[in-house]
C-alpha atoms as a PDB file:
ATOM      1  CA  MET A   1     -81.415 -15.658 -61.205  1.00  0.00           C
ATOM      2  CA  GLN A   2     -81.726 -18.245 -58.363  1.00  0.00           C
ATOM      3  CA  LYS A   3     -84.601 -17.008 -55.614  1.00  0.00           C
ATOM      4  CA  VAL A   4     -85.485 -18.178 -52.180  1.00  0.00           C
ATOM      5  CA  VAL A   5     -88.773 -20.232 -52.335  1.00  0.00           C
ATOM      6  CA  SER A   6     -89.869 -20.409 -48.345  1.00  0.00           C
ATOM      7  CA  LYS A   7     -90.828 -24.064 -46.380  1.00  0.00           C
ATOM      8  CA  SER A   8     -94.353 -22.943 -46.621  1.00  0.00           C
ATOM      9  CA  GLU A   9     -95.092 -22.659 -50.005  1.00  0.00           C
ATOM     10  CA  ILE A  10     -92.134 -25.652 -50.569  1.00  0.00           C
ATOM     11  CA  LEU A  11     -95.315 -27.491 -48.444  1.00  0.00           C
ATOM     12  CA  ARG A  12     -97.783 -25.875 -50.270  1.00  0.00           C
ATOM     13  CA  LEU A  13     -96.544 -27.519 -53.690  1.00  0.00           C
ATOM     14  CA  VAL A  14     -96.587 -30.564 -53.015  1.00  0.00           C
ATOM     15  CA  CYS A  15     -99.157 -31.236 -50.527  1.00  0.00           C
ATOM     16  CA  GLN A  16    -101.393 -29.461 -52.673  1.00  0.00           C
ATOM     17  CA  CYS A  17    -100.008 -31.518 -56.237  1.00  0.00           C
ATOM     18  CA  MET A  18    -100.625 -34.775 -53.787  1.00  0.00           C
ATOM     19  CA  THR A  19    -103.973 -34.656 -52.312  1.00  0.00           C
ATOM     20  CA  LYS A  20    -104.550 -33.603 -55.784  1.00  0.00           C
ATOM     21  CA  ILE A  21    -104.130 -37.175 -57.453  1.00  0.00           C
ATOM     22  CA  GLY A  22    -106.024 -38.282 -53.728  1.00  0.00           C
ATOM     23  CA  THR A  23    -103.753 -38.710 -51.517  1.00  0.00           C
ATOM     24  CA  ASN A  24    -104.913 -38.710 -47.509  1.00  0.00           C
ATOM     25  CA  PRO A  25    -103.765 -35.096 -46.820  1.00  0.00           C
ATOM     26  CA  LYS A  26    -101.387 -36.242 -43.965  1.00  0.00           C
ATOM     27  CA  HIS A  27     -99.949 -38.535 -45.773  1.00  0.00           C
ATOM     28  CA  ALA A  28     -98.882 -36.125 -48.476  1.00  0.00           C
ATOM     29  CA  ASN A  29     -98.035 -33.312 -45.746  1.00  0.00           C
ATOM     30  CA  GLN A  30     -95.270 -36.109 -44.975  1.00  0.00           C
ATOM     31  CA  LEU A  31     -93.804 -36.755 -47.789  1.00  0.00           C
ATOM     32  CA  ALA A  32     -93.827 -32.402 -48.941  1.00  0.00           C
ATOM     33  CA  THR A  33     -91.404 -32.327 -45.123  1.00  0.00           C
ATOM     34  CA  LEU A  34     -89.819 -35.654 -46.516  1.00  0.00           C
ATOM     35  CA  LEU A  35     -89.328 -33.431 -49.258  1.00  0.00           C
ATOM     36  CA  TYR A  36     -88.574 -29.490 -48.628  1.00  0.00           C
ATOM     37  CA  CYS A  37     -85.755 -31.825 -45.445  1.00  0.00           C
ATOM     38  CA  ALA A  38     -83.895 -33.430 -48.970  1.00  0.00           C
ATOM     39  CA  ASP A  39     -83.913 -29.960 -50.382  1.00  0.00           C
ATOM     40  CA  TYR A  40     -82.567 -27.972 -46.826  1.00  0.00           C
ATOM     41  CA  ARG A  41     -79.988 -30.545 -46.752  1.00  0.00           C
ATOM     42  CA  GLY A  42     -77.942 -30.707 -49.786  1.00  0.00           C
ATOM     43  CA  HIS A  43     -79.352 -33.631 -50.962  1.00  0.00           C
ATOM     44  CA  TYR A  44     -81.146 -32.181 -54.037  1.00  0.00           C
ATOM     45  CA  SER A  45     -81.531 -35.583 -56.029  1.00  0.00           C
ATOM     46  CA  HIS A  46     -83.880 -36.389 -53.890  1.00  0.00           C
ATOM     47  CA  GLY A  47     -86.144 -33.953 -53.302  1.00  0.00           C
ATOM     48  CA  LEU A  48     -88.457 -31.905 -55.291  1.00  0.00           C
ATOM     49  CA  ASN A  49     -86.391 -34.282 -57.917  1.00  0.00           C
ATOM     50  CA  ARG A  50     -88.253 -36.692 -57.025  1.00  0.00           C
ATOM     51  CA  LEU A  51     -92.139 -35.239 -56.840  1.00  0.00           C
ATOM     52  CA  ASP A  52     -92.983 -35.775 -60.709  1.00  0.00           C
ATOM     53  CA  MET A  53     -92.110 -40.156 -59.544  1.00  0.00           C
ATOM     54  CA  TYR A  54     -94.037 -39.723 -56.298  1.00  0.00           C
ATOM     55  CA  ILE A  55     -96.655 -37.924 -58.853  1.00  0.00           C
ATOM     56  CA  LYS A  56     -96.965 -40.963 -61.544  1.00  0.00           C
ATOM     57  CA  ASP A  57     -97.358 -43.707 -59.315  1.00  0.00           C
ATOM     58  CA  VAL A  58    -100.078 -42.435 -56.950  1.00  0.00           C
ATOM     59  CA  GLU A  59    -101.698 -41.329 -60.662  1.00  0.00           C
ATOM     60  CA  THR A  60    -101.222 -44.655 -62.444  1.00  0.00           C
ATOM     61  CA  ASP A  61    -101.927 -46.864 -59.179  1.00  0.00           C
ATOM     62  CA  VAL A  62     -99.193 -48.494 -58.667  1.00  0.00           C
ATOM     63  CA  THR A  63     -98.797 -46.613 -54.948  1.00  0.00           C
ATOM     64  CA  ALA A  64    -102.456 -47.068 -52.680  1.00  0.00           C
ATOM     65  CA  ALA A  65    -102.853 -42.800 -52.170  1.00  0.00           C
ATOM     66  CA  THR A  66    -104.899 -43.990 -48.825  1.00  0.00           C
ATOM     67  CA  GLY A  67    -104.902 -46.570 -45.722  1.00  0.00           C
ATOM     68  CA  ASN A  68    -103.014 -47.320 -43.342  1.00  0.00           C
ATOM     69  CA  PRO A  69     -99.845 -49.266 -42.051  1.00  0.00           C
ATOM     70  CA  VAL A  70    -100.555 -52.529 -40.579  1.00  0.00           C
ATOM     71  CA  ILE A  71     -98.106 -54.089 -37.729  1.00  0.00           C
ATOM     72  CA  LEU A  72     -98.311 -57.893 -38.941  1.00  0.00           C
ATOM     73  CA  LYS A  73     -96.035 -59.571 -35.986  1.00  0.00           C
ATOM     74  CA  GLU A  74     -94.697 -58.557 -32.895  1.00  0.00           C
ATOM     75  CA  GLY A  75     -92.580 -58.799 -29.361  1.00  0.00           C
ATOM     76  CA  PRO A  76     -90.612 -55.740 -26.589  1.00  0.00           C
ATOM     77  CA  SER A  77     -87.524 -54.373 -29.085  1.00  0.00           C
ATOM     78  CA  THR A  78     -88.794 -56.422 -32.431  1.00  0.00           C
ATOM     79  CA  GLY A  79     -91.546 -55.520 -35.412  1.00  0.00           C
ATOM     80  CA  LEU A  80     -92.726 -56.652 -38.618  1.00  0.00           C
ATOM     81  CA  VAL A  81     -94.998 -53.465 -41.082  1.00  0.00           C
ATOM     82  CA  ASP A  82     -97.196 -54.075 -44.124  1.00  0.00           C
ATOM     83  CA  GLY A  83     -97.245 -51.097 -45.616  1.00  0.00           C
ATOM     84  CA  GLN A  84    -100.550 -51.223 -47.397  1.00  0.00           C
ATOM     85  CA  ASN A  85     -98.759 -50.484 -50.416  1.00  0.00           C
ATOM     86  CA  LEU A  86     -98.270 -46.415 -49.748  1.00  0.00           C
ATOM     87  CA  LEU A  87     -95.891 -44.170 -50.327  1.00  0.00           C
ATOM     88  CA  GLY A  88     -92.819 -44.907 -48.808  1.00  0.00           C
ATOM     89  CA  PRO A  89     -92.111 -42.154 -46.817  1.00  0.00           C
ATOM     90  CA  VAL A  90     -95.410 -43.442 -44.583  1.00  0.00           C
ATOM     91  CA  VAL A  91     -94.240 -46.612 -44.394  1.00  0.00           C
ATOM     92  CA  GLY A  92     -91.195 -45.196 -43.440  1.00  0.00           C
ATOM     93  CA  LYS A  93     -92.353 -43.007 -40.628  1.00  0.00           C
ATOM     94  CA  PHE A  94     -94.930 -45.195 -39.341  1.00  0.00           C
ATOM     95  CA  ALA A  95     -91.436 -48.342 -38.341  1.00  0.00           C
ATOM     96  CA  MET A  96     -89.409 -45.354 -37.393  1.00  0.00           C
ATOM     97  CA  GLN A  97     -92.291 -44.676 -34.956  1.00  0.00           C
ATOM     98  CA  LEU A  98     -92.643 -48.023 -33.842  1.00  0.00           C
ATOM     99  CA  ALA A  99     -89.403 -48.842 -33.201  1.00  0.00           C
ATOM    100  CA  ILE A 100     -88.531 -45.247 -31.262  1.00  0.00           C
ATOM    101  CA  ASP A 101     -91.259 -46.315 -29.156  1.00  0.00           C
ATOM    102  CA  LYS A 102     -89.375 -49.759 -28.501  1.00  0.00           C
ATOM    103  CA  ALA A 103     -86.289 -48.362 -28.051  1.00  0.00           C
ATOM    104  CA  LYS A 104     -88.122 -46.510 -25.013  1.00  0.00           C
ATOM    105  CA  GLN A 105     -88.820 -49.560 -22.787  1.00  0.00           C
ATOM    106  CA  SER A 106     -86.545 -51.857 -24.068  1.00  0.00           C
ATOM    107  CA  GLY A 107     -83.685 -50.854 -24.886  1.00  0.00           C
ATOM    108  CA  VAL A 108     -83.128 -51.666 -28.469  1.00  0.00           C
ATOM    109  CA  GLY A 109     -86.308 -51.355 -31.361  1.00  0.00           C
ATOM    110  CA  TRP A 110     -85.962 -52.819 -34.510  1.00  0.00           C
ATOM    111  CA  VAL A 111     -88.368 -52.869 -37.426  1.00  0.00           C
ATOM    112  CA  VAL A 112     -89.352 -53.977 -40.707  1.00  0.00           C
ATOM    113  CA  ALA A 113     -91.597 -53.436 -43.476  1.00  0.00           C
ATOM    114  CA  ASN A 114     -92.557 -54.316 -46.938  1.00  0.00           C
ATOM    115  CA  ASN A 115     -94.877 -53.881 -49.170  1.00  0.00           C
ATOM    116  CA  SER A 116     -93.874 -50.158 -49.320  1.00  0.00           C
ATOM    117  CA  ASN A 117     -92.606 -47.846 -51.659  1.00  0.00           C
ATOM    118  CA  HIS A 118     -89.952 -44.802 -52.551  1.00  0.00           C
ATOM    119  CA  PHE A 119     -88.987 -43.307 -49.022  1.00  0.00           C
ATOM    120  CA  GLY A 120     -86.452 -40.708 -49.953  1.00  0.00           C
ATOM    121  CA  ILE A 121     -83.151 -39.281 -47.630  1.00  0.00           C
ATOM    122  CA  ALA A 122     -82.723 -42.459 -45.420  1.00  0.00           C
ATOM    123  CA  GLY A 123     -81.336 -40.198 -43.252  1.00  0.00           C
ATOM    124  CA  TRP A 124     -84.832 -38.090 -42.469  1.00  0.00           C
ATOM    125  CA  TYR A 125     -86.230 -41.480 -39.982  1.00  0.00           C
ATOM    126  CA  ALA A 126     -83.122 -41.673 -38.500  1.00  0.00           C
ATOM    127  CA  MET A 127     -82.869 -38.027 -37.180  1.00  0.00           C
ATOM    128  CA  GLU A 128     -86.038 -38.712 -36.735  1.00  0.00           C
ATOM    129  CA  ALA A 129     -84.400 -41.262 -33.821  1.00  0.00           C
ATOM    130  CA  SER A 130     -81.638 -38.625 -32.745  1.00  0.00           C
ATOM    131  CA  SER A 131     -84.667 -35.573 -31.994  1.00  0.00           C
ATOM    132  CA  GLU A 132     -86.201 -38.303 -29.326  1.00  0.00           C
ATOM    133  CA  GLY A 133     -82.626 -38.684 -28.081  1.00  0.00           C
ATOM    134  CA  LEU A 134     -81.582 -42.085 -29.933  1.00  0.00           C
ATOM    135  CA  LEU A 135     -79.635 -43.142 -32.045  1.00  0.00           C
ATOM    136  CA  GLY A 136     -81.580 -44.256 -35.057  1.00  0.00           C
ATOM    137  CA  MET A 137     -80.493 -46.085 -37.937  1.00  0.00           C
ATOM    138  CA  ALA A 138     -82.466 -46.222 -41.783  1.00  0.00           C
ATOM    139  CA  PHE A 139     -82.316 -49.173 -44.315  1.00  0.00           C
ATOM    140  CA  THR A 140     -84.022 -49.933 -47.154  1.00  0.00           C
ATOM    141  CA  ASN A 141     -83.245 -51.574 -50.701  1.00  0.00           C
ATOM    142  CA  ALA A 142     -84.174 -50.375 -53.842  1.00  0.00           C
ATOM    143  CA  SER A 143     -84.402 -51.305 -57.980  1.00  0.00           C
ATOM    144  CA  PRO A 144     -81.781 -52.683 -59.622  1.00  0.00           C
ATOM    145  CA  LEU A 145     -78.968 -49.638 -60.856  1.00  0.00           C
ATOM    146  CA  LEU A 146     -75.728 -51.416 -58.611  1.00  0.00           C
ATOM    147  CA  VAL A 147     -73.011 -52.912 -60.835  1.00  0.00           C
ATOM    148  CA  PRO A 148     -71.638 -55.161 -59.046  1.00  0.00           C
ATOM    149  CA  THR A 149     -67.769 -55.996 -58.370  1.00  0.00           C
ATOM    150  CA  ARG A 150     -66.533 -58.003 -61.484  1.00  0.00           C
ATOM    151  CA  ALA A 151     -70.361 -57.166 -63.408  1.00  0.00           C
ATOM    152  CA  VAL A 152     -71.293 -55.949 -66.473  1.00  0.00           C
ATOM    153  CA  ASN A 153     -74.883 -55.484 -65.746  1.00  0.00           C
ATOM    154  CA  PRO A 154     -77.020 -54.102 -63.351  1.00  0.00           C
ATOM    155  CA  ALA A 155     -78.059 -56.675 -59.519  1.00  0.00           C
ATOM    156  CA  LEU A 156     -78.928 -54.714 -55.757  1.00  0.00           C
ATOM    157  CA  GLY A 157     -79.879 -50.419 -55.359  1.00  0.00           C
ATOM    158  CA  THR A 158     -78.407 -48.084 -54.076  1.00  0.00           C
ATOM    159  CA  ASN A 159     -79.239 -49.332 -51.168  1.00  0.00           C
ATOM    160  CA  PRO A 160     -78.075 -46.242 -48.411  1.00  0.00           C
ATOM    161  CA  ILE A 161     -77.186 -46.784 -44.761  1.00  0.00           C
ATOM    162  CA  SER A 162     -78.114 -43.696 -43.117  1.00  0.00           C
ATOM    163  CA  LEU A 163     -76.947 -43.702 -38.953  1.00  0.00           C
ATOM    164  CA  ALA A 164     -78.100 -40.169 -37.015  1.00  0.00           C
ATOM    165  CA  ALA A 165     -76.478 -40.422 -33.271  1.00  0.00           C
ATOM    166  CA  PRO A 166     -78.418 -36.865 -31.015  1.00  0.00           C
ATOM    167  CA  ASN A 167     -75.259 -34.327 -29.774  1.00  0.00           C
ATOM    168  CA  GLY A 168     -76.062 -31.214 -28.322  1.00  0.00           C
ATOM    169  CA  GLN A 169     -78.237 -29.010 -30.790  1.00  0.00           C
ATOM    170  CA  GLU A 170     -77.036 -30.806 -34.099  1.00  0.00           C
ATOM    171  CA  PRO A 171     -76.470 -35.033 -34.528  1.00  0.00           C
ATOM    172  CA  PHE A 172     -74.398 -36.842 -35.983  1.00  0.00           C
ATOM    173  CA  VAL A 173     -75.949 -38.235 -39.719  1.00  0.00           C
ATOM    174  CA  LEU A 174     -74.219 -40.881 -42.075  1.00  0.00           C
ATOM    175  CA  ASP A 175     -76.260 -40.830 -44.898  1.00  0.00           C
ATOM    176  CA  MET A 176     -75.501 -42.517 -47.873  1.00  0.00           C
ATOM    177  CA  ALA A 177     -75.598 -44.822 -50.724  1.00  0.00           C
ATOM    178  CA  THR A 178     -74.240 -47.648 -51.141  1.00  0.00           C
ATOM    179  CA  SER A 179     -73.176 -47.110 -54.519  1.00  0.00           C
ATOM    180  CA  ALA A 180     -70.890 -44.200 -55.689  1.00  0.00           C
ATOM    181  CA  VAL A 181     -73.093 -41.832 -56.513  1.00  0.00           C
ATOM    182  CA  ALA A 182     -77.414 -41.937 -56.305  1.00  0.00           C
ATOM    183  CA  LEU A 183     -78.669 -42.058 -59.599  1.00  0.00           C
ATOM    184  CA  GLY A 184     -80.434 -38.412 -58.300  1.00  0.00           C
ATOM    185  CA  LYS A 185     -77.265 -37.028 -58.669  1.00  0.00           C
ATOM    186  CA  VAL A 186     -76.457 -38.685 -62.873  1.00  0.00           C
ATOM    187  CA  GLU A 187     -79.886 -36.812 -63.407  1.00  0.00           C
ATOM    188  CA  ILE A 188     -78.525 -33.117 -62.565  1.00  0.00           C
ATOM    189  CA  GLN A 189     -75.408 -34.021 -64.322  1.00  0.00           C
ATOM    190  CA  HIS A 190     -77.395 -34.551 -67.319  1.00  0.00           C
ATOM    191  CA  ARG A 191     -79.567 -31.859 -66.561  1.00  0.00           C
ATOM    192  CA  ARG A 192     -77.650 -30.086 -67.206  1.00  0.00           C
ATOM    193  CA  GLY A 193     -75.522 -30.521 -69.846  1.00  0.00           C
ATOM    194  CA  GLU A 194     -72.661 -31.508 -67.759  1.00  0.00           C
ATOM    195  CA  PRO A 195     -70.229 -35.183 -68.193  1.00  0.00           C
ATOM    196  CA  LEU A 196     -69.546 -37.066 -64.754  1.00  0.00           C
ATOM    197  CA  PRO A 197     -66.662 -37.147 -62.653  1.00  0.00           C
ATOM    198  CA  PRO A 198     -65.073 -41.293 -63.397  1.00  0.00           C
ATOM    199  CA  GLY A 199     -66.517 -43.079 -61.062  1.00  0.00           C
ATOM    200  CA  TRP A 200     -69.832 -42.875 -60.678  1.00  0.00           C
ATOM    201  CA  ALA A 201     -71.130 -45.218 -63.620  1.00  0.00           C
ATOM    202  CA  LEU A 202     -70.748 -48.115 -66.410  1.00  0.00           C
ATOM    203  CA  ASP A 203     -71.389 -48.832 -70.278  1.00  0.00           C
ATOM    204  CA  ALA A 204     -73.384 -51.465 -71.450  1.00  0.00           C
ATOM    205  CA  GLN A 205     -71.137 -53.122 -72.229  1.00  0.00           C
ATOM    206  CA  GLY A 206     -69.084 -52.426 -68.307  1.00  0.00           C
ATOM    207  CA  ARG A 207     -66.365 -50.020 -69.290  1.00  0.00           C
ATOM    208  CA  GLY A 208     -66.290 -46.672 -66.052  1.00  0.00           C
ATOM    209  CA  THR A 209     -67.768 -43.688 -68.577  1.00  0.00           C
ATOM    210  CA  THR A 210     -68.089 -40.002 -67.791  1.00  0.00           C
ATOM    211  CA  ASP A 211     -71.503 -39.041 -70.718  1.00  0.00           C
ATOM    212  CA  ALA A 212     -74.268 -38.454 -68.452  1.00  0.00           C
ATOM    213  CA  ALA A 213     -76.631 -40.004 -71.832  1.00  0.00           C
ATOM    214  CA  VAL A 214     -75.225 -42.999 -70.858  1.00  0.00           C
ATOM    215  CA  GLY A 215     -75.558 -42.824 -66.981  1.00  0.00           C
ATOM    216  CA  MET A 216     -78.994 -42.264 -67.616  1.00  0.00           C
ATOM    217  CA  GLN A 217     -79.756 -45.908 -68.911  1.00  0.00           C
ATOM    218  CA  GLY A 218     -79.025 -46.292 -64.945  1.00  0.00           C
ATOM    219  CA  ARG A 219     -75.664 -48.559 -64.912  1.00  0.00           C
ATOM    220  CA  LEU A 220     -74.214 -46.781 -61.128  1.00  0.00           C
ATOM    221  CA  PHE A 221     -70.686 -48.213 -59.687  1.00  0.00           C
ATOM    222  CA  PRO A 222     -70.294 -49.355 -55.825  1.00  0.00           C
ATOM    223  CA  LEU A 223     -68.955 -46.960 -53.595  1.00  0.00           C
ATOM    224  CA  GLY A 224     -64.921 -47.486 -54.021  1.00  0.00           C
ATOM    225  CA  GLY A 225     -66.081 -47.054 -57.967  1.00  0.00           C
ATOM    226  CA  PRO A 226     -64.224 -50.332 -59.765  1.00  0.00           C
ATOM    227  CA  GLU A 227     -62.201 -53.227 -57.944  1.00  0.00           C
ATOM    228  CA  GLU A 228     -58.650 -51.287 -58.320  1.00  0.00           C
ATOM    229  CA  THR A 229     -59.934 -48.823 -55.825  1.00  0.00           C
ATOM    230  CA  SER A 230     -61.923 -50.918 -54.045  1.00  0.00           C
ATOM    231  CA  GLY A 231     -65.730 -50.924 -55.331  1.00  0.00           C
ATOM    232  CA  TYR A 232     -66.160 -54.760 -53.681  1.00  0.00           C
ATOM    233  CA  LYS A 233     -66.657 -53.262 -50.079  1.00  0.00           C
ATOM    234  CA  GLY A 234     -69.443 -51.719 -51.448  1.00  0.00           C
ATOM    235  CA  TYR A 235     -70.808 -54.268 -53.325  1.00  0.00           C
ATOM    236  CA  GLY A 236     -70.464 -55.545 -50.348  1.00  0.00           C
ATOM    237  CA  LEU A 237     -72.148 -52.991 -48.063  1.00  0.00           C
ATOM    238  CA  ALA A 238     -75.799 -52.990 -50.696  1.00  0.00           C
ATOM    239  CA  CYS A 239     -75.219 -57.037 -50.148  1.00  0.00           C
ATOM    240  CA  LEU A 240     -75.687 -56.316 -46.092  1.00  0.00           C
ATOM    241  CA  VAL A 241     -78.945 -53.685 -47.196  1.00  0.00           C
ATOM    242  CA  GLU A 242     -80.167 -56.166 -49.199  1.00  0.00           C
ATOM    243  CA  ILE A 243     -80.291 -59.128 -46.360  1.00  0.00           C
ATOM    244  CA  PHE A 244     -81.563 -56.978 -43.670  1.00  0.00           C
ATOM    245  CA  CYS A 245     -84.851 -55.697 -46.028  1.00  0.00           C
ATOM    246  CA  GLY A 246     -85.612 -57.690 -49.218  1.00  0.00           C
ATOM    247  CA  LEU A 247     -84.243 -61.157 -47.259  1.00  0.00           C
ATOM    248  CA  LEU A 248     -85.789 -60.223 -43.501  1.00  0.00           C
ATOM    249  CA  SER A 249     -89.454 -59.133 -43.732  1.00  0.00           C
ATOM    250  CA  ASP A 250     -89.810 -60.930 -47.519  1.00  0.00           C
ATOM    251  CA  ALA A 251     -89.801 -58.494 -49.868  1.00  0.00           C
ATOM    252  CA  ASN A 252     -88.965 -57.936 -52.957  1.00  0.00           C
ATOM    253  CA  TRP A 253     -84.778 -57.887 -53.627  1.00  0.00           C
ATOM    254  CA  GLY A 254     -82.559 -58.060 -55.874  1.00  0.00           C
ATOM    255  CA  GLN A 255     -83.727 -58.099 -59.574  1.00  0.00           C
ATOM    256  CA  HIS A 256     -86.861 -59.056 -58.510  1.00  0.00           C
ATOM    257  CA  ILE A 257     -87.533 -54.836 -57.401  1.00  0.00           C
ATOM    258  CA  ARG A 258     -89.216 -53.387 -60.017  1.00  0.00           C
ATOM    259  CA  LYS A 259     -86.393 -51.734 -63.095  1.00  0.00           C
ATOM    260  CA  TRP A 260     -85.878 -47.425 -62.134  1.00  0.00           C
ATOM    261  CA  LYS A 261     -89.386 -44.842 -62.985  1.00  0.00           C
ATOM    262  CA  THR A 262     -91.534 -48.153 -64.281  1.00  0.00           C
ATOM    263  CA  HIS A 263     -95.100 -47.987 -62.768  1.00  0.00           C
ATOM    264  CA  GLU A 264     -96.317 -51.912 -64.108  1.00  0.00           C
ATOM    265  CA  ARG A 265     -96.593 -52.965 -61.392  1.00  0.00           C
ATOM    266  CA  LYS A 266     -96.112 -52.514 -57.477  1.00  0.00           C
ATOM    267  CA  ALA A 267     -92.588 -52.108 -56.264  1.00  0.00           C
ATOM    268  CA  ASN A 268     -92.367 -54.149 -52.687  1.00  0.00           C
ATOM    269  CA  LEU A 269     -89.793 -52.250 -51.115  1.00  0.00           C
ATOM    270  CA  ASN A 270     -88.200 -53.512 -47.535  1.00  0.00           C
ATOM    271  CA  ASN A 271     -87.540 -49.974 -45.654  1.00  0.00           C
ATOM    272  CA  VAL A 272     -85.400 -51.445 -41.939  1.00  0.00           C
ATOM    273  CA  ALA A 273     -85.631 -48.750 -39.267  1.00  0.00           C
ATOM    274  CA  LYS A 274     -83.787 -49.320 -35.745  1.00  0.00           C
ATOM    275  CA  GLN A 275     -82.557 -47.495 -32.379  1.00  0.00           C
ATOM    276  CA  LEU A 276     -81.015 -47.667 -29.568  1.00  0.00           C
ATOM    277  CA  ASP A 277     -81.079 -45.806 -26.219  1.00  0.00           C
ATOM    278  CA  VAL A 278     -78.079 -43.907 -25.299  1.00  0.00           C
ATOM    279  CA  ASP A 279     -77.944 -44.727 -21.714  1.00  0.00           C
ATOM    280  CA  PRO A 280     -76.455 -48.363 -22.318  1.00  0.00           C
ATOM    281  CA  MET A 281     -77.497 -50.157 -19.439  1.00  0.00           C
ATOM    282  CA  LYS A 282     -81.298 -50.385 -21.534  1.00  0.00           C
ATOM    283  CA  CYS A 283     -79.122 -52.329 -23.588  1.00  0.00           C
ATOM    284  CA  VAL A 284     -77.259 -54.367 -21.339  1.00  0.00           C
END
């Protein structure tokens, strides 16, 4: 039997869980809002499904429970942020707000943040900008799960791309992984005991698989699937995000990022936030 859980109850649960282990209450609320937004928008792989991971990261001191991001360097339309190893939603929201402020002043804002962590759905940050009448973009690199075209082992993250554009009451929102699917969707299929659609995952020999248990080993096709269906395009987009994120911010990149759901060292991920004022004359 299905039961509808209220927004207030979801926020209370997440905040209580995170503050119980020492997380700054404001940070806990930012995480709770993100997870609720993911579930509300149908991204169940990135909603409450992910709460255990954030708890584990803070409990093991792999992610900092308190503190504030620091601006290392900035110009009229650019910024470099040290996330201080805080929760990804805290770092991402800070970088996004900085980019929003710069876009309102100069027409464009481009901010990169290193020393960050898993930040959930990229669309949440892009929509922060669109809600203020801006074009918002958000990217992040991630633990290596994507197997490049003609390869066998994962070398890149799911490396999502997001754009939100204001459009009256409801913005246009693109929020997608550059892998064929996020690993969380494989997890959900595995929990349900259901097979994977073809083109989602590979086995250890580099062959496509529909076995969810095998898919949980963490070898995902790039967006497009195998080479025959243009998977190299997704591979290329994942590389684009990696250049924007890991290389541009001097954070970890590719196979240098810790493996998915391991807690022996900090992730040092990078998040990128970019905003454009919708008045084109401010960008000339």
